[in-house]
Amino acid sequence: MIINKAYKFRIYPNKAQATLINKTIGCSRFVFNHFLSLWDNACKETGKGLTYGTCSAKLPAMKKEFVWLKEVDSIAIQSSVRNLADAYTRFFKKQNSAPRFKSKKNNLQS
């Protein structure tokens, strides 16, 4: 019999940390939505979507275009692209519905 244990922590960030957390969430949402629109356009034009490799190769150019993406951790941005690729993988395996755009107003999506 396997017993799983978990710890739940509450954090109390100061103002600078809270600002950085909010910036990170916003940038991750922006990158997810940006690549979701690119993925949809590629799927409509060619019939095939993008891959994680092609999306992650576009990240450095995107950081040059949107300079404010450099303010947050790069791992968070890369993981949002990875989450999008995983969402499409599950969609094509008929496990989930198609990925949707993330909203700033819905706290549970980000």
N, C-alpha and C. Protein backbone atom coordinates (compact mmCIF):
# COMPACT_ATOMS: atom_id res chain seq x y z
N MET A 1 0.84 -1.18 0.00
CA MET A 1 0.00 0.00 0.00
C MET A 1 0.89 1.24 0.00
N ILE A 2 0.65 2.11 -0.97
CA ILE A 2 1.43 3.32 -1.10
C ILE A 2 0.69 4.47 -0.44
N ILE A 3 1.40 5.18 0.40
CA ILE A 3 0.83 6.34 1.08
C ILE A 3 1.53 7.59 0.55
N ASN A 4 0.75 8.50 0.04
CA ASN A 4 1.28 9.77 -0.45
C ASN A 4 1.10 10.83 0.60
N LYS A 5 2.14 11.62 0.80
CA LYS A 5 2.07 12.73 1.74
C LYS A 5 2.34 14.02 0.98
N ALA A 6 1.74 15.07 1.45
CA ALA A 6 1.93 16.37 0.81
C ALA A 6 2.04 17.45 1.88
N TYR A 7 2.77 18.47 1.55
CA TYR A 7 2.89 19.62 2.41
C TYR A 7 2.28 20.82 1.70
N LYS A 8 1.59 21.62 2.44
CA LYS A 8 0.97 22.81 1.88
C LYS A 8 1.59 24.02 2.58
N PHE A 9 2.13 24.93 1.78
CA PHE A 9 2.79 26.10 2.34
C PHE A 9 2.06 27.35 1.88
N ARG A 10 2.07 28.33 2.74
CA ARG A 10 1.53 29.64 2.38
C ARG A 10 2.70 30.60 2.37
N ILE A 11 2.79 31.39 1.32
CA ILE A 11 3.89 32.34 1.23
C ILE A 11 3.37 33.75 1.48
N TYR A 12 4.24 34.56 1.99
CA TYR A 12 3.92 35.96 2.25
C TYR A 12 4.98 36.82 1.55
N PRO A 13 4.80 37.07 0.25
CA PRO A 13 5.83 37.83 -0.47
C PRO A 13 5.74 39.32 -0.14
N ASN A 14 6.91 39.97 -0.22
CA ASN A 14 6.90 41.42 -0.07
C ASN A 14 6.46 42.04 -1.41
N LYS A 15 6.45 43.36 -1.50
CA LYS A 15 5.91 44.00 -2.71
C LYS A 15 6.73 43.69 -3.95
N ALA A 16 8.04 43.66 -3.81
CA ALA A 16 8.89 43.37 -4.97
C ALA A 16 8.68 41.94 -5.46
N GLN A 17 8.57 41.01 -4.52
CA GLN A 17 8.35 39.61 -4.89
C GLN A 17 6.97 39.43 -5.52
N ALA A 18 5.95 40.10 -4.97
CA ALA A 18 4.61 40.00 -5.53
C ALA A 18 4.56 40.56 -6.95
N THR A 19 5.28 41.65 -7.18
CA THR A 19 5.35 42.23 -8.52
C THR A 19 6.00 41.26 -9.49
N LEU A 20 7.09 40.62 -9.07
CA LEU A 20 7.78 39.67 -9.93
C LEU A 20 6.92 38.44 -10.22
N ILE A 21 6.17 37.99 -9.23
CA ILE A 21 5.27 36.85 -9.44
C ILE A 21 4.19 37.21 -10.46
N ASN A 22 3.60 38.40 -10.31
CA ASN A 22 2.56 38.83 -11.25
C ASN A 22 3.10 39.02 -12.67
N LYS A 23 4.34 39.56 -12.78
CA LYS A 23 4.95 39.71 -14.10
C LYS A 23 5.19 38.34 -14.74
N THR A 24 5.65 37.39 -13.93
CA THR A 24 5.93 36.06 -14.45
C THR A 24 4.67 35.39 -14.95
N ILE A 25 3.59 35.51 -14.20
CA ILE A 25 2.31 34.91 -14.61
C ILE A 25 1.81 35.59 -15.89
N GLY A 26 1.92 36.90 -15.96
CA GLY A 26 1.46 37.62 -17.14
C GLY A 26 2.27 37.29 -18.38
N CYS A 27 3.59 37.19 -18.24
CA CYS A 27 4.43 36.85 -19.38
C CYS A 27 4.19 35.42 -19.84
N SER A 28 3.98 34.51 -18.90
CA SER A 28 3.69 33.12 -19.27
C SER A 28 2.38 33.03 -20.04
N ARG A 29 1.38 33.78 -19.59
CA ARG A 29 0.09 33.80 -20.27
C ARG A 29 0.24 34.40 -21.67
N PHE A 30 1.01 35.47 -21.79
CA PHE A 30 1.22 36.11 -23.09
C PHE A 30 1.90 35.16 -24.07
N VAL A 31 2.94 34.47 -23.62
CA VAL A 31 3.67 33.54 -24.49
C VAL A 31 2.77 32.37 -24.88
N PHE A 32 2.00 31.85 -23.93
CA PHE A 32 1.08 30.75 -24.23
C PHE A 32 0.08 31.17 -25.29
N ASN A 33 -0.55 32.33 -25.11
CA ASN A 33 -1.55 32.81 -26.07
C ASN A 33 -0.93 33.12 -27.43
N HIS A 34 0.28 33.67 -27.43
CA HIS A 34 0.95 34.01 -28.69
C HIS A 34 1.22 32.74 -29.51
N PHE A 35 1.78 31.74 -28.87
CA PHE A 35 2.09 30.51 -29.59
C PHE A 35 0.83 29.70 -29.90
N LEU A 36 -0.21 29.86 -29.11
CA LEU A 36 -1.48 29.20 -29.43
C LEU A 36 -2.06 29.78 -30.72
N SER A 37 -1.98 31.10 -30.89
CA SER A 37 -2.48 31.70 -32.13
C SER A 37 -1.61 31.29 -33.32
N LEU A 38 -0.29 31.23 -33.13
CA LEU A 38 0.59 30.76 -34.21
C LEU A 38 0.28 29.32 -34.58
N TRP A 39 0.03 28.50 -33.56
CA TRP A 39 -0.25 27.08 -33.77
C TRP A 39 -1.57 26.92 -34.55
N ASP A 40 -2.58 27.71 -34.16
CA ASP A 40 -3.87 27.65 -34.86
C ASP A 40 -3.74 28.09 -36.31
N ASN A 41 -2.98 29.17 -36.54
CA ASN A 41 -2.79 29.65 -37.91
C ASN A 41 -2.05 28.63 -38.76
N ALA A 42 -1.02 28.02 -38.19
CA ALA A 42 -0.26 27.00 -38.94
C ALA A 42 -1.13 25.79 -39.23
N CYS A 43 -2.00 25.45 -38.30
CA CYS A 43 -2.88 24.30 -38.48
C CYS A 43 -3.91 24.57 -39.58
N LYS A 44 -4.41 25.80 -39.65
CA LYS A 44 -5.39 26.15 -40.68
C LYS A 44 -4.75 26.23 -42.06
N GLU A 45 -3.50 26.74 -42.13
CA GLU A 45 -2.84 26.92 -43.42
C GLU A 45 -2.29 25.61 -43.98
N THR A 46 -1.59 24.85 -43.15
CA THR A 46 -0.89 23.67 -43.65
C THR A 46 -1.57 22.36 -43.27
N GLY A 47 -2.44 22.39 -42.31
CA GLY A 47 -3.06 21.16 -41.84
C GLY A 47 -2.25 20.48 -40.76
N LYS A 48 -1.05 20.99 -40.49
CA LYS A 48 -0.20 20.46 -39.43
C LYS A 48 0.09 21.59 -38.46
N GLY A 49 0.22 21.25 -37.21
CA GLY A 49 0.55 22.25 -36.21
C GLY A 49 2.04 22.43 -36.09
N LEU A 50 2.45 23.16 -35.10
CA LEU A 50 3.86 23.37 -34.81
C LEU A 50 4.33 22.30 -33.83
N THR A 51 5.60 22.31 -33.54
CA THR A 51 6.15 21.42 -32.53
C THR A 51 6.78 22.26 -31.43
N TYR A 52 7.16 21.60 -30.36
CA TYR A 52 7.82 22.31 -29.27
C TYR A 52 9.15 22.89 -29.75
N GLY A 53 9.85 22.16 -30.58
CA GLY A 53 11.15 22.62 -31.08
C GLY A 53 11.05 23.90 -31.89
N THR A 54 10.06 23.98 -32.76
CA THR A 54 9.91 25.18 -33.57
C THR A 54 9.47 26.37 -32.71
N CYS A 55 8.63 26.11 -31.73
CA CYS A 55 8.18 27.20 -30.86
C CYS A 55 9.32 27.69 -29.97
N SER A 56 10.08 26.77 -29.41
CA SER A 56 11.17 27.19 -28.53
C SER A 56 12.29 27.87 -29.31
N ALA A 57 12.43 27.55 -30.60
CA ALA A 57 13.43 28.23 -31.42
C ALA A 57 13.03 29.68 -31.69
N LYS A 58 11.75 29.99 -31.63
CA LYS A 58 11.27 31.35 -31.87
C LYS A 58 11.33 32.22 -30.61
N LEU A 59 11.60 31.62 -29.46
CA LEU A 59 11.61 32.40 -28.21
C LEU A 59 12.68 33.49 -28.18
N PRO A 60 13.93 33.25 -28.60
CA PRO A 60 14.92 34.34 -28.55
C PRO A 60 14.53 35.54 -29.41
N ALA A 61 13.97 35.29 -30.59
CA ALA A 61 13.53 36.41 -31.44
C ALA A 61 12.36 37.14 -30.79
N MET A 62 11.52 36.38 -30.11
CA MET A 62 10.38 36.99 -29.44
C MET A 62 10.84 37.86 -28.27
N LYS A 63 11.92 37.43 -27.58
CA LYS A 63 12.46 38.24 -26.49
C LYS A 63 13.08 39.53 -27.00
N LYS A 64 13.60 39.50 -28.22
CA LYS A 64 14.15 40.73 -28.80
C LYS A 64 13.03 41.68 -29.21
N GLU A 65 11.92 41.12 -29.66
CA GLU A 65 10.79 41.95 -30.07
C GLU A 65 10.07 42.54 -28.86
N PHE A 66 9.85 41.71 -27.85
CA PHE A 66 9.20 42.15 -26.62
C PHE A 66 10.25 42.13 -25.51
N VAL A 67 10.87 43.27 -25.26
CA VAL A 67 12.00 43.36 -24.34
C VAL A 67 11.58 43.03 -22.91
N TRP A 68 10.35 43.29 -22.56
CA TRP A 68 9.89 43.06 -21.20
C TRP A 68 9.83 41.58 -20.85
N LEU A 69 9.95 40.69 -21.83
CA LEU A 69 9.98 39.25 -21.53
C LEU A 69 11.29 38.84 -20.86
N LYS A 70 12.32 39.70 -20.97
CA LYS A 70 13.61 39.39 -20.35
C LYS A 70 13.59 39.64 -18.84
N GLU A 71 12.58 40.34 -18.34
CA GLU A 71 12.52 40.67 -16.92
C GLU A 71 12.18 39.47 -16.05
N VAL A 72 11.55 38.46 -16.63
CA VAL A 72 11.11 37.31 -15.85
C VAL A 72 12.02 36.11 -16.12
N ASP A 73 11.82 35.07 -15.35
CA ASP A 73 12.63 33.87 -15.45
C ASP A 73 12.35 33.16 -16.78
N SER A 74 13.41 32.74 -17.45
CA SER A 74 13.25 32.09 -18.75
C SER A 74 12.63 30.71 -18.63
N ILE A 75 12.81 30.06 -17.50
CA ILE A 75 12.25 28.72 -17.31
C ILE A 75 10.72 28.78 -17.30
N ALA A 76 10.16 29.83 -16.74
CA ALA A 76 8.70 29.98 -16.71
C ALA A 76 8.15 30.15 -18.12
N ILE A 77 8.85 30.90 -18.95
CA ILE A 77 8.40 31.11 -20.32
C ILE A 77 8.52 29.82 -21.13
N GLN A 78 9.62 29.11 -20.95
CA GLN A 78 9.82 27.85 -21.66
C GLN A 78 8.80 26.80 -21.22
N SER A 79 8.45 26.82 -19.94
CA SER A 79 7.48 25.83 -19.47
C SER A 79 6.08 26.13 -19.99
N SER A 80 5.76 27.39 -20.26
CA SER A 80 4.44 27.67 -20.84
C SER A 80 4.36 27.16 -22.27
N VAL A 81 5.48 27.21 -23.01
CA VAL A 81 5.51 26.63 -24.35
C VAL A 81 5.42 25.11 -24.25
N ARG A 82 6.09 24.54 -23.26
CA ARG A 82 6.03 23.08 -23.05
C ARG A 82 4.60 22.66 -22.68
N ASN A 83 3.93 23.45 -21.85
CA ASN A 83 2.54 23.14 -21.49
C ASN A 83 1.62 23.18 -22.71
N LEU A 84 1.86 24.13 -23.61
CA LEU A 84 1.06 24.20 -24.83
C LEU A 84 1.30 22.98 -25.71
N ALA A 85 2.55 22.57 -25.84
CA ALA A 85 2.86 21.39 -26.65
C ALA A 85 2.24 20.14 -26.05
N ASP A 86 2.27 20.03 -24.72
CA ASP A 86 1.65 18.88 -24.05
C ASP A 86 0.13 18.90 -24.22
N ALA A 87 -0.45 20.10 -24.20
CA ALA A 87 -1.90 20.21 -24.38
C ALA A 87 -2.31 19.75 -25.77
N TYR A 88 -1.52 20.11 -26.78
CA TYR A 88 -1.84 19.64 -28.13
C TYR A 88 -1.59 18.15 -28.28
N THR A 89 -0.58 17.62 -27.60
CA THR A 89 -0.34 16.18 -27.64
C THR A 89 -1.53 15.42 -27.07
N ARG A 90 -2.05 15.89 -25.94
CA ARG A 90 -3.23 15.25 -25.34
C ARG A 90 -4.47 15.44 -26.22
N PHE A 91 -4.56 16.58 -26.91
CA PHE A 91 -5.70 16.82 -27.80
C PHE A 91 -5.69 15.84 -28.98
N PHE A 92 -4.52 15.63 -29.56
CA PHE A 92 -4.44 14.73 -30.71
C PHE A 92 -4.59 13.27 -30.32
N LYS A 93 -4.36 12.95 -29.05
CA LYS A 93 -4.60 11.59 -28.55
C LYS A 93 -6.04 11.41 -28.11
N LYS A 94 -6.87 12.44 -28.28
CA LYS A 94 -8.29 12.43 -27.92
C LYS A 94 -8.50 12.31 -26.41
N GLN A 95 -7.55 12.78 -25.63
CA GLN A 95 -7.69 12.75 -24.18
C GLN A 95 -8.35 14.02 -23.65
N ASN A 96 -8.08 15.14 -24.28
CA ASN A 96 -8.62 16.43 -23.84
C ASN A 96 -9.19 17.19 -25.03
N SER A 97 -9.86 18.28 -24.73
CA SER A 97 -10.32 19.16 -25.80
C SER A 97 -9.16 20.06 -26.24
N ALA A 98 -9.39 20.84 -27.27
CA ALA A 98 -8.34 21.71 -27.81
C ALA A 98 -7.96 22.78 -26.78
N PRO A 99 -6.70 23.18 -26.75
CA PRO A 99 -6.29 24.23 -25.82
C PRO A 99 -6.98 25.55 -26.13
N ARG A 100 -7.26 26.31 -25.09
CA ARG A 100 -7.94 27.59 -25.24
C ARG A 100 -7.03 28.71 -24.77
N PHE A 101 -7.38 29.91 -25.17
CA PHE A 101 -6.61 31.08 -24.76
C PHE A 101 -6.80 31.32 -23.27
N LYS A 102 -5.73 31.76 -22.62
CA LYS A 102 -5.77 32.05 -21.19
C LYS A 102 -6.22 33.49 -20.98
N SER A 103 -7.08 33.69 -20.01
CA SER A 103 -7.62 35.01 -19.72
C SER A 103 -6.95 35.61 -18.50
N LYS A 104 -6.79 36.92 -18.52
CA LYS A 104 -6.20 37.61 -17.38
C LYS A 104 -7.17 37.65 -16.20
N LYS A 105 -8.46 37.57 -16.50
CA LYS A 105 -9.47 37.73 -15.46
C LYS A 105 -9.77 36.44 -14.71
N ASN A 106 -9.44 35.28 -15.31
CA ASN A 106 -9.70 34.00 -14.65
C ASN A 106 -8.43 33.55 -13.93
N ASN A 107 -8.45 33.57 -12.62
CA ASN A 107 -7.26 33.25 -11.83
C ASN A 107 -6.87 31.78 -11.91
N LEU A 108 -7.82 30.89 -12.17
CA LEU A 108 -7.53 29.47 -12.16
C LEU A 108 -6.77 29.02 -13.39
N GLN A 109 -6.84 29.75 -14.49
CA GLN A 109 -6.18 29.32 -15.72
C GLN A 109 -4.69 29.58 -15.71
N SER A 110 -4.25 30.64 -15.08
CA SER A 110 -2.85 31.04 -15.19
C SER A 110 -1.95 30.19 -14.34
